[in-house]
N, C-alpha and C. Protein backbone atom coordinates (compact mmCIF):
# COMPACT_ATOMS: atom_id res chain seq x y z
N MET A 1 -178.89 53.67 63.80
CA MET A 1 -180.01 52.89 63.26
C MET A 1 -179.69 51.55 63.52
N ARG A 2 -180.99 50.96 63.38
CA ARG A 2 -181.09 49.25 63.29
C ARG A 2 -181.13 48.69 61.79
N ILE A 3 -180.44 47.82 61.67
CA ILE A 3 -180.24 47.63 59.76
C ILE A 3 -180.46 46.23 60.28
N ALA A 4 -181.69 45.96 59.33
CA ALA A 4 -181.81 44.05 59.25
C ALA A 4 -180.75 43.83 57.98
N PHE A 5 -180.53 42.62 58.29
CA PHE A 5 -179.54 41.68 57.58
C PHE A 5 -180.18 40.54 57.16
N LEU A 6 -181.10 40.29 56.09
CA LEU A 6 -181.76 39.54 55.90
C LEU A 6 -181.00 38.29 55.01
N VAL A 7 -180.76 37.05 55.65
CA VAL A 7 -180.08 36.10 55.36
C VAL A 7 -181.11 34.59 55.30
N ALA A 8 -180.96 33.69 54.28
CA ALA A 8 -181.48 31.97 54.30
C ALA A 8 -180.79 31.17 55.39
N PRO A 9 -180.71 30.53 55.74
CA PRO A 9 -180.01 29.64 56.64
C PRO A 9 -178.66 28.98 56.37
N GLU A 10 -178.85 28.99 54.90
CA GLU A 10 -177.71 28.83 54.54
C GLU A 10 -177.44 29.17 52.93
N GLY A 11 -176.60 29.28 52.45
CA GLY A 11 -175.88 30.23 50.92
C GLY A 11 -175.91 31.45 50.78
N VAL A 12 -175.54 32.38 52.09
CA VAL A 12 -175.00 33.68 51.50
C VAL A 12 -173.57 33.51 51.29
N GLU A 13 -173.07 34.29 50.34
CA GLU A 13 -171.83 34.49 50.53
C GLU A 13 -171.29 35.37 51.22
N GLN A 14 -170.62 34.97 52.06
CA GLN A 14 -169.94 35.72 53.72
C GLN A 14 -169.40 36.84 53.49
N VAL A 15 -168.62 37.36 52.41
CA VAL A 15 -168.16 38.49 51.99
C VAL A 15 -168.89 39.72 51.96
N GLU A 16 -170.32 39.45 51.43
CA GLU A 16 -171.40 40.24 50.88
C GLU A 16 -172.21 40.27 52.46
N LEU A 17 -172.05 39.27 53.04
CA LEU A 17 -172.99 40.11 54.62
C LEU A 17 -171.76 40.46 55.49
N THR A 18 -170.52 39.82 56.04
CA THR A 18 -169.50 40.49 56.62
C THR A 18 -169.07 41.74 56.33
N GLU A 19 -168.60 42.32 54.85
CA GLU A 19 -168.04 43.48 54.97
C GLU A 19 -169.55 44.70 54.93
N PRO A 20 -170.72 44.47 54.11
CA PRO A 20 -171.61 45.76 54.71
C PRO A 20 -172.29 45.75 56.26
N TRP A 21 -171.53 44.29 56.62
CA TRP A 21 -171.90 43.98 58.60
C TRP A 21 -171.41 45.44 59.41
N LYS A 22 -169.75 44.58 59.13
CA LYS A 22 -168.59 45.96 59.67
C LYS A 22 -168.84 47.32 59.63
N ALA A 23 -169.12 47.56 57.85
CA ALA A 23 -169.36 48.79 57.37
C ALA A 23 -170.46 49.49 58.33
N ALA A 24 -171.60 48.52 58.56
CA ALA A 24 -172.87 49.50 59.03
C ALA A 24 -172.36 49.68 60.38
N SER A 25 -171.54 48.68 61.33
CA SER A 25 -171.32 48.75 63.05
C SER A 25 -170.22 50.00 62.68
N GLU A 26 -169.37 49.51 62.23
CA GLU A 26 -168.34 50.76 62.01
C GLU A 26 -168.64 52.12 61.69
N ALA A 27 -169.92 52.49 61.14
CA ALA A 27 -170.60 53.66 61.15
C ALA A 27 -171.42 54.03 62.10
N GLY A 28 -171.75 53.17 62.92
CA GLY A 28 -172.09 53.74 64.16
C GLY A 28 -173.68 53.03 64.19
N HIS A 29 -174.24 52.21 63.90
CA HIS A 29 -175.51 51.38 63.51
C HIS A 29 -175.51 49.80 64.25
N GLU A 30 -176.27 49.45 64.33
CA GLU A 30 -176.57 48.36 64.97
C GLU A 30 -177.07 47.16 63.77
N PRO A 31 -176.24 46.12 63.29
CA PRO A 31 -176.71 45.41 62.21
C PRO A 31 -177.69 44.21 63.31
N VAL A 32 -178.22 43.41 62.71
CA VAL A 32 -178.76 42.27 63.16
C VAL A 32 -179.69 41.93 61.83
N LEU A 33 -178.94 40.33 62.45
CA LEU A 33 -178.97 38.84 61.51
C LEU A 33 -180.60 38.35 61.70
N VAL A 34 -181.38 38.68 60.62
CA VAL A 34 -182.19 38.22 60.61
C VAL A 34 -182.19 36.69 59.42
N SER A 35 -182.97 35.70 60.14
CA SER A 35 -182.84 34.59 58.98
C SER A 35 -184.66 33.98 59.20
N THR A 36 -184.92 33.23 58.18
CA THR A 36 -186.46 32.46 58.65
C THR A 36 -186.13 30.94 59.64
N ARG A 37 -185.24 30.94 60.21
CA ARG A 37 -184.64 30.14 61.53
C ARG A 37 -183.96 30.50 62.27
N SER A 38 -184.36 30.54 63.72
CA SER A 38 -183.64 30.00 64.47
C SER A 38 -182.25 29.86 64.85
N GLY A 39 -181.24 29.86 65.84
CA GLY A 39 -180.02 29.10 65.81
C GLY A 39 -178.79 29.97 64.84
N GLU A 40 -177.92 29.12 64.13
CA GLU A 40 -177.17 29.92 63.19
C GLU A 40 -177.47 29.39 61.90
N ILE A 41 -176.84 30.64 61.05
CA ILE A 41 -176.56 30.30 59.64
C ILE A 41 -175.69 30.01 59.43
N GLN A 42 -175.35 29.42 58.07
CA GLN A 42 -173.89 28.81 57.42
C GLN A 42 -174.03 29.33 56.29
N ALA A 43 -172.49 30.37 56.38
CA ALA A 43 -172.35 31.34 55.30
C ALA A 43 -171.14 30.15 54.25
N PHE A 44 -171.33 30.51 52.74
CA PHE A 44 -170.19 30.31 52.04
C PHE A 44 -169.30 31.07 51.53
N ASN A 45 -168.24 30.72 51.37
CA ASN A 45 -167.35 31.29 50.19
C ASN A 45 -167.67 30.95 48.66
N HIS A 46 -168.18 31.16 47.78
CA HIS A 46 -169.07 30.92 46.82
C HIS A 46 -169.54 29.57 46.87
N LEU A 47 -168.92 28.36 46.89
CA LEU A 47 -169.52 27.28 46.80
C LEU A 47 -168.71 26.13 47.49
N ASP A 48 -168.24 26.98 49.10
CA ASP A 48 -167.61 26.15 49.91
C ASP A 48 -168.17 26.87 51.12
N LYS A 49 -167.89 25.56 52.13
CA LYS A 49 -168.71 26.60 53.47
C LYS A 49 -167.64 27.08 53.92
N ALA A 50 -168.06 28.57 54.91
CA ALA A 50 -167.33 29.44 55.43
C ALA A 50 -167.54 28.91 56.89
N ASP A 51 -168.37 30.69 57.16
CA ASP A 51 -168.22 30.30 58.80
C ASP A 51 -169.92 30.31 59.25
N THR A 52 -170.69 30.18 60.18
CA THR A 52 -171.46 30.37 60.73
C THR A 52 -171.51 31.67 61.39
N PHE A 53 -172.87 32.47 61.79
CA PHE A 53 -173.11 33.53 62.43
C PHE A 53 -174.11 33.41 62.97
N PRO A 54 -174.57 33.27 64.03
CA PRO A 54 -175.71 33.42 65.37
C PRO A 54 -176.85 34.40 64.54
N VAL A 55 -178.05 34.16 65.03
CA VAL A 55 -179.15 34.40 64.28
C VAL A 55 -179.61 35.32 65.74
N ASP A 56 -180.06 37.01 65.04
CA ASP A 56 -180.48 37.58 66.34
C ASP A 56 -182.24 37.80 66.55
N GLU A 57 -183.14 37.30 64.77
CA GLU A 57 -184.25 37.74 65.02
C GLU A 57 -184.64 36.67 63.57
N VAL A 58 -186.03 35.74 64.45
CA VAL A 58 -186.74 35.18 63.06
C VAL A 58 -187.58 36.21 61.99
N VAL A 59 -187.18 36.03 60.91
CA VAL A 59 -188.11 36.79 60.26
C VAL A 59 -189.99 36.69 60.32
N GLY A 60 -190.52 35.85 60.76
CA GLY A 60 -191.79 35.66 61.45
C GLY A 60 -191.70 36.55 62.30
N GLU A 61 -190.89 36.85 62.82
CA GLU A 61 -191.37 37.55 64.18
C GLU A 61 -190.77 39.05 64.80
N ALA A 62 -190.06 39.45 63.01
CA ALA A 62 -189.16 40.77 63.12
C ALA A 62 -190.21 41.19 62.32
N SER A 63 -190.12 42.74 62.34
CA SER A 63 -190.68 43.72 61.87
C SER A 63 -190.06 45.02 61.04
N ALA A 64 -190.56 45.02 59.96
CA ALA A 64 -189.71 46.58 59.13
C ALA A 64 -190.14 47.90 60.05
N GLY A 65 -190.68 47.79 60.65
CA GLY A 65 -190.95 49.11 61.48
C GLY A 65 -189.81 49.27 62.81
N SER A 66 -189.23 48.51 63.24
CA SER A 66 -188.31 48.29 63.80
C SER A 66 -186.68 48.35 63.46
N PHE A 67 -186.57 48.55 62.10
CA PHE A 67 -185.63 48.51 61.19
C PHE A 67 -184.97 50.23 60.40
N GLY A 68 -184.58 50.46 60.54
CA GLY A 68 -183.85 51.90 59.36
C GLY A 68 -183.63 51.61 58.45
N GLY A 69 -183.42 50.25 57.85
CA GLY A 69 -183.18 49.73 56.82
C GLY A 69 -183.17 48.17 56.82
N LEU A 70 -182.23 48.05 55.47
CA LEU A 70 -182.94 46.54 55.30
C LEU A 70 -181.30 46.08 53.58
N VAL A 71 -180.75 45.44 54.53
CA VAL A 71 -179.75 44.75 53.93
C VAL A 71 -180.02 43.28 53.33
N LEU A 72 -179.46 43.16 51.99
CA LEU A 72 -179.96 41.81 51.41
C LEU A 72 -178.31 41.42 50.83
N PRO A 73 -177.87 40.33 51.51
CA PRO A 73 -176.63 39.70 50.94
C PRO A 73 -177.12 39.00 49.74
N GLY A 74 -175.89 38.23 48.80
CA GLY A 74 -176.29 37.85 47.76
C GLY A 74 -175.35 36.10 48.15
N GLY A 75 -175.25 35.49 47.12
CA GLY A 75 -174.89 34.34 47.49
C GLY A 75 -175.83 33.52 46.33
N VAL A 76 -175.58 32.68 45.95
CA VAL A 76 -176.20 32.08 44.78
C VAL A 76 -177.45 31.19 45.37
N ALA A 77 -177.51 30.77 46.56
CA ALA A 77 -178.64 29.74 46.86
C ALA A 77 -179.24 30.49 47.95
N ASN A 78 -178.48 31.60 48.53
CA ASN A 78 -178.97 32.58 49.59
C ASN A 78 -180.61 33.11 49.34
N PRO A 79 -180.29 33.81 48.17
CA PRO A 79 -181.92 34.53 47.62
C PRO A 79 -182.97 33.48 46.97
N ASP A 80 -182.17 32.46 46.73
CA ASP A 80 -183.18 31.21 46.19
C ASP A 80 -184.12 31.08 47.11
N PHE A 81 -183.19 30.50 48.58
CA PHE A 81 -183.88 29.75 49.58
C PHE A 81 -184.89 30.74 50.00
N LEU A 82 -184.66 32.34 50.10
CA LEU A 82 -185.39 33.05 50.59
C LEU A 82 -186.76 33.47 49.81
N ARG A 83 -186.29 33.45 48.64
CA ARG A 83 -188.01 34.01 47.82
C ARG A 83 -188.92 32.31 47.69
N MET A 84 -188.41 31.14 48.44
CA MET A 84 -189.66 29.98 48.68
C MET A 84 -190.04 30.60 50.08
N ASP A 85 -189.86 31.08 50.79
CA ASP A 85 -190.54 31.52 52.17
C ASP A 85 -191.14 32.95 52.38
N GLU A 86 -192.21 32.55 52.48
CA GLU A 86 -193.50 33.64 51.92
C GLU A 86 -193.38 34.81 53.25
N LYS A 87 -192.80 34.37 54.58
CA LYS A 87 -192.42 35.13 55.46
C LYS A 87 -191.49 35.99 55.30
N ALA A 88 -190.56 35.58 54.63
CA ALA A 88 -189.60 36.17 53.65
C ALA A 88 -189.64 37.56 53.08
N VAL A 89 -190.25 36.79 52.11
CA VAL A 89 -190.81 37.82 50.80
C VAL A 89 -191.34 38.99 51.37
N ALA A 90 -192.61 38.50 52.25
CA ALA A 90 -193.79 39.48 53.13
C ALA A 90 -192.61 40.70 53.69
N PHE A 91 -191.82 40.09 54.82
CA PHE A 91 -190.51 41.16 55.73
C PHE A 91 -189.91 42.09 54.32
N VAL A 92 -189.76 42.07 53.11
CA VAL A 92 -188.75 42.41 52.33
C VAL A 92 -190.13 43.17 51.72
N LYS A 93 -191.02 43.27 51.52
CA LYS A 93 -191.83 44.05 50.73
C LYS A 93 -192.45 45.25 51.86
N SER A 94 -192.52 44.45 52.82
CA SER A 94 -192.58 45.36 53.77
C SER A 94 -191.98 46.88 53.84
N PHE A 95 -190.82 46.85 53.74
CA PHE A 95 -189.88 47.69 53.89
C PHE A 95 -190.16 48.80 52.46
N PHE A 96 -190.56 48.25 51.59
CA PHE A 96 -190.56 49.06 49.94
C PHE A 96 -192.40 49.30 50.31
N ASP A 97 -193.00 49.13 51.29
CA ASP A 97 -194.53 49.55 51.62
C ASP A 97 -194.22 50.20 52.54
N GLU A 98 -193.54 50.30 53.74
CA GLU A 98 -193.38 51.76 54.57
C GLU A 98 -192.09 52.48 54.67
N GLY A 99 -191.60 52.45 52.92
CA GLY A 99 -190.79 53.28 52.46
C GLY A 99 -189.23 53.11 53.10
N ARG A 100 -189.09 52.37 53.62
CA ARG A 100 -187.94 52.19 54.17
C ARG A 100 -186.69 51.68 53.09
N PRO A 101 -185.62 52.13 53.40
CA PRO A 101 -184.44 52.45 52.20
C PRO A 101 -183.85 50.47 52.13
N VAL A 102 -183.42 49.97 51.04
CA VAL A 102 -183.43 49.02 51.01
C VAL A 102 -181.76 48.52 50.09
N ALA A 103 -180.54 47.80 50.27
CA ALA A 103 -179.86 47.53 49.88
C ALA A 103 -179.38 46.20 49.64
N ALA A 104 -179.42 45.77 48.12
CA ALA A 104 -179.02 44.67 47.60
C ALA A 104 -178.17 44.29 46.81
N ILE A 105 -177.39 43.20 47.30
CA ILE A 105 -176.20 43.22 45.92
C ILE A 105 -176.48 41.79 45.54
N CYS A 106 -175.60 41.10 44.46
CA CYS A 106 -175.24 40.42 43.71
C CYS A 106 -176.35 39.43 43.15
N HIS A 107 -176.64 38.52 43.46
CA HIS A 107 -178.18 37.68 43.09
C HIS A 107 -178.93 37.93 44.09
N ALA A 108 -178.26 38.65 45.15
CA ALA A 108 -179.66 39.06 46.09
C ALA A 108 -181.13 39.62 45.48
N SER A 109 -180.88 40.29 43.98
CA SER A 109 -182.55 41.05 43.41
C SER A 109 -182.94 39.71 43.23
N TRP A 110 -182.76 38.45 43.23
CA TRP A 110 -183.95 37.22 42.92
C TRP A 110 -184.93 37.78 44.14
N THR A 111 -184.52 38.26 45.03
CA THR A 111 -186.15 38.27 46.72
C THR A 111 -186.55 39.28 46.33
N LEU A 112 -186.20 40.83 45.70
CA LEU A 112 -186.92 41.89 45.12
C LEU A 112 -187.79 41.27 43.86
N VAL A 113 -187.03 40.49 43.14
CA VAL A 113 -188.01 39.90 41.53
C VAL A 113 -189.31 39.40 42.53
N GLU A 114 -189.18 38.20 43.36
CA GLU A 114 -190.36 37.50 44.20
C GLU A 114 -191.09 38.16 44.86
N ALA A 115 -190.90 40.06 45.69
CA ALA A 115 -191.58 40.22 46.49
C ALA A 115 -192.35 41.06 45.19
N ASP A 116 -192.11 41.44 44.32
CA ASP A 116 -192.66 41.98 43.32
C ASP A 116 -192.85 44.02 43.57
N VAL A 117 -190.93 43.92 43.90
CA VAL A 117 -190.94 45.13 44.05
C VAL A 117 -189.78 46.00 43.34
N VAL A 118 -189.75 45.40 41.42
CA VAL A 118 -188.51 45.85 40.89
C VAL A 118 -189.58 46.34 39.89
N ARG A 119 -190.67 46.55 39.26
CA ARG A 119 -191.64 46.95 38.81
C ARG A 119 -191.08 48.69 38.52
N GLY A 120 -190.60 49.36 37.50
CA GLY A 120 -190.49 50.48 37.38
C GLY A 120 -189.34 51.01 37.82
N ARG A 121 -188.68 49.96 38.63
CA ARG A 121 -187.28 50.51 39.25
C ARG A 121 -185.93 50.11 37.85
N VAL A 122 -185.27 50.96 38.30
CA VAL A 122 -183.94 50.83 37.97
C VAL A 122 -182.63 50.24 38.98
N LEU A 123 -182.40 48.86 38.29
CA LEU A 123 -181.29 48.04 39.42
C LEU A 123 -180.11 47.47 38.65
N THR A 124 -179.09 47.30 39.14
CA THR A 124 -178.13 46.09 38.68
C THR A 124 -177.95 45.05 39.96
N SER A 125 -177.16 44.15 39.68
CA SER A 125 -177.22 42.59 39.52
C SER A 125 -176.23 41.78 39.36
N TRP A 126 -175.86 40.74 39.96
CA TRP A 126 -175.29 40.12 38.62
C TRP A 126 -175.57 39.67 37.60
N PRO A 127 -174.60 39.95 36.67
CA PRO A 127 -175.46 39.40 35.10
C PRO A 127 -176.43 39.03 34.80
N SER A 128 -176.34 37.23 35.45
CA SER A 128 -177.23 36.19 35.02
C SER A 128 -179.16 36.99 35.48
N LEU A 129 -178.87 37.78 36.63
CA LEU A 129 -180.23 38.20 36.67
C LEU A 129 -181.33 39.03 36.03
N ARG A 130 -180.19 39.89 35.26
CA ARG A 130 -180.37 40.74 33.92
C ARG A 130 -182.46 40.40 33.52
N THR A 131 -182.32 39.07 32.98
CA THR A 131 -183.49 38.86 32.45
C THR A 131 -184.37 38.43 33.54
N ASP A 132 -184.17 38.16 34.51
CA ASP A 132 -185.50 38.30 35.67
C ASP A 132 -186.29 39.36 36.03
N ILE A 133 -185.28 40.06 36.23
CA ILE A 133 -185.60 42.23 36.62
C ILE A 133 -186.20 42.21 35.06
N THR A 134 -185.86 42.37 34.37
CA THR A 134 -186.34 42.69 33.23
C THR A 134 -187.89 42.05 33.18
N ASN A 135 -188.03 40.87 33.56
CA ASN A 135 -189.08 40.20 32.94
C ASN A 135 -189.97 40.72 34.08
N ALA A 136 -189.43 41.31 35.19
CA ALA A 136 -190.39 41.78 36.19
C ALA A 136 -190.68 42.89 36.55
N GLY A 137 -190.27 43.63 35.17
CA GLY A 137 -190.61 45.24 35.20
C GLY A 137 -189.85 46.15 35.01
N GLY A 138 -188.77 45.17 35.47
CA GLY A 138 -187.61 46.82 36.16
C GLY A 138 -186.47 46.78 35.03
N THR A 139 -185.60 47.54 35.22
CA THR A 139 -184.55 47.91 34.20
C THR A 139 -183.14 47.96 34.47
N TRP A 140 -182.55 46.81 34.03
CA TRP A 140 -181.38 46.26 34.72
C TRP A 140 -180.55 47.16 34.37
N VAL A 141 -179.44 47.90 34.62
CA VAL A 141 -178.25 48.62 34.55
C VAL A 141 -176.83 48.11 34.83
N ASP A 142 -176.27 47.74 34.10
CA ASP A 142 -174.22 47.29 34.45
C ASP A 142 -173.43 48.42 34.92
N GLU A 143 -173.74 48.21 36.29
CA GLU A 143 -173.59 49.82 37.08
C GLU A 143 -172.73 48.81 38.20
N GLN A 144 -171.53 49.50 38.97
CA GLN A 144 -170.78 48.95 40.10
C GLN A 144 -172.12 49.51 41.35
N VAL A 145 -172.40 50.60 41.14
CA VAL A 145 -173.63 50.63 42.33
C VAL A 145 -174.75 51.54 41.75
N LYS A 146 -175.70 50.98 42.32
CA LYS A 146 -176.75 52.24 41.55
C LYS A 146 -178.10 52.37 42.45
N ILE A 147 -178.47 53.48 42.49
CA ILE A 147 -179.65 54.05 43.35
C ILE A 147 -181.02 54.65 42.36
N CYS A 148 -182.04 53.86 43.33
CA CYS A 148 -183.07 53.97 42.08
C CYS A 148 -184.37 54.54 43.29
N ASP A 149 -184.91 55.89 43.12
CA ASP A 149 -185.54 56.29 44.08
C ASP A 149 -186.79 56.42 43.39
N HIS A 150 -187.38 55.92 42.32
CA HIS A 150 -188.40 55.53 41.62
C HIS A 150 -189.33 54.41 42.30
N GLY A 151 -189.92 55.14 43.52
CA GLY A 151 -190.82 54.46 44.10
C GLY A 151 -191.30 55.06 45.62
N SER A 152 -191.41 54.26 46.67
CA SER A 152 -191.69 54.46 47.36
C SER A 152 -190.61 54.75 48.56
N ASN A 153 -189.59 54.01 48.41
CA ASN A 153 -188.09 54.10 48.84
C ASN A 153 -187.17 54.00 48.12
N GLN A 154 -185.81 54.13 48.92
CA GLN A 154 -184.58 54.77 47.63
C GLN A 154 -184.22 53.02 48.02
N LEU A 155 -183.26 52.52 46.60
CA LEU A 155 -182.99 51.15 46.55
C LEU A 155 -181.82 51.04 45.95
N VAL A 156 -180.80 50.54 46.48
CA VAL A 156 -179.53 50.30 46.49
C VAL A 156 -178.38 49.13 45.94
N THR A 157 -178.68 48.93 44.91
CA THR A 157 -177.97 47.66 44.49
C THR A 157 -176.61 47.94 43.62
N SER A 158 -176.03 46.43 44.02
CA SER A 158 -174.39 46.31 43.39
C SER A 158 -174.53 45.25 42.67
N ARG A 159 -173.39 44.81 42.15
CA ARG A 159 -173.28 43.70 40.76
C ARG A 159 -172.71 42.10 41.70
N LYS A 160 -171.64 42.31 42.57
CA LYS A 160 -170.68 41.38 43.16
C LYS A 160 -169.60 41.79 44.07
N PRO A 161 -169.17 41.05 44.07
CA PRO A 161 -168.12 41.33 45.78
C PRO A 161 -166.80 42.42 45.37
N ASP A 162 -166.90 42.51 43.95
CA ASP A 162 -165.49 43.40 43.55
C ASP A 162 -166.73 45.06 43.81
N ASP A 163 -167.68 45.23 43.57
CA ASP A 163 -168.47 46.31 44.11
C ASP A 163 -168.47 46.89 45.56
N LEU A 164 -167.77 45.75 46.89
CA LEU A 164 -168.49 46.08 48.07
C LEU A 164 -167.83 47.41 48.16
N LYS A 165 -166.88 47.64 48.16
CA LYS A 165 -166.73 49.39 48.63
C LYS A 165 -167.36 50.05 48.36
N ALA A 166 -168.22 50.22 47.17
CA ALA A 166 -168.98 51.71 46.77
C ALA A 166 -170.35 51.24 47.24
N PHE A 167 -170.81 49.93 47.36
CA PHE A 167 -172.01 49.00 47.62
C PHE A 167 -172.08 49.88 49.58
N CYS A 168 -171.06 49.03 50.10
CA CYS A 168 -171.41 49.72 51.48
C CYS A 168 -171.56 51.59 51.33
N ASP A 169 -170.18 52.33 51.18
CA ASP A 169 -170.39 53.70 51.05
C ASP A 169 -171.75 54.24 50.73
N THR A 170 -171.98 53.58 49.72
CA THR A 170 -173.43 53.92 49.13
C THR A 170 -174.92 53.84 50.02
N PHE A 171 -174.94 52.37 50.62
CA PHE A 171 -175.93 51.78 51.38
C PHE A 171 -175.89 52.96 52.63
N LEU A 172 -174.80 53.18 53.23
CA LEU A 172 -174.88 53.67 54.56
C LEU A 172 -174.95 54.97 54.36
N HIS A 173 -174.82 56.05 53.40
CA HIS A 173 -175.02 57.41 53.06
C HIS A 173 -176.60 57.33 52.90
N VAL A 174 -177.34 56.66 51.75
CA VAL A 174 -178.66 56.49 52.10
C VAL A 174 -179.41 55.81 52.88
N PHE A 175 -178.82 54.90 53.73
CA PHE A 175 -179.83 55.13 54.96
C PHE A 175 -179.69 56.72 55.79
N THR A 176 -178.54 56.60 56.04
CA THR A 176 -178.31 57.77 57.49
C THR A 176 -178.97 59.01 56.62
N ALA A 177 -178.68 59.33 55.49
CA ALA A 177 -179.96 60.22 54.42
C ALA A 177 -181.05 60.65 55.54
N GLN A 178 -181.60 59.33 55.11
CA GLN A 178 -182.74 58.58 55.09
C GLN A 178 -183.53 58.80 56.55
N SER A 179 -182.98 58.81 57.46
CA SER A 179 -183.21 58.66 58.84
C SER A 179 -183.06 59.89 59.67
N ALA A 180 -182.15 60.77 58.42
CA ALA A 180 -182.31 62.45 59.20
C ALA A 180 -183.37 63.17 59.32
N PRO A 181 -183.28 63.56 60.50
CA PRO A 181 -185.03 64.51 60.58
C PRO A 181 -184.85 65.69 59.23
């Protein structure tokens, strides 16, 4: 399965990109780095610059229909940049419209809020997003990982980098089950 990893040109929390990417790859899936610009993205270790990674596809040219699922890594700046890009927001929303599974960790739920896809959903995130999620019509819970199927698709969310093992195991299980005939 092709899995889109949507990130802004800078600001993604590196471990929230690399650990799910590695898990997807080791499970036999094809991770694809999608961003709002071509070239490379700059990852961060919290507030410090980390590594750069090559962009595979640009969001304006990518289609949800060519992916089995979407992973949204966090980082404070990453989802804030994404939510300001209309094409990125539309790309995220299209996965919900098409019933494809989505996984988001940490601050990534800000992009979900902007895409107006949390209404009626139960999810977790970094605790500071609780009010944003609630104001957008979602229900926030403090859990390591949460699967929500109250909608057109399955949504997997986690709180923080400490939850990455559970996040990876869960989104891979959900994505694989969804793609089974």
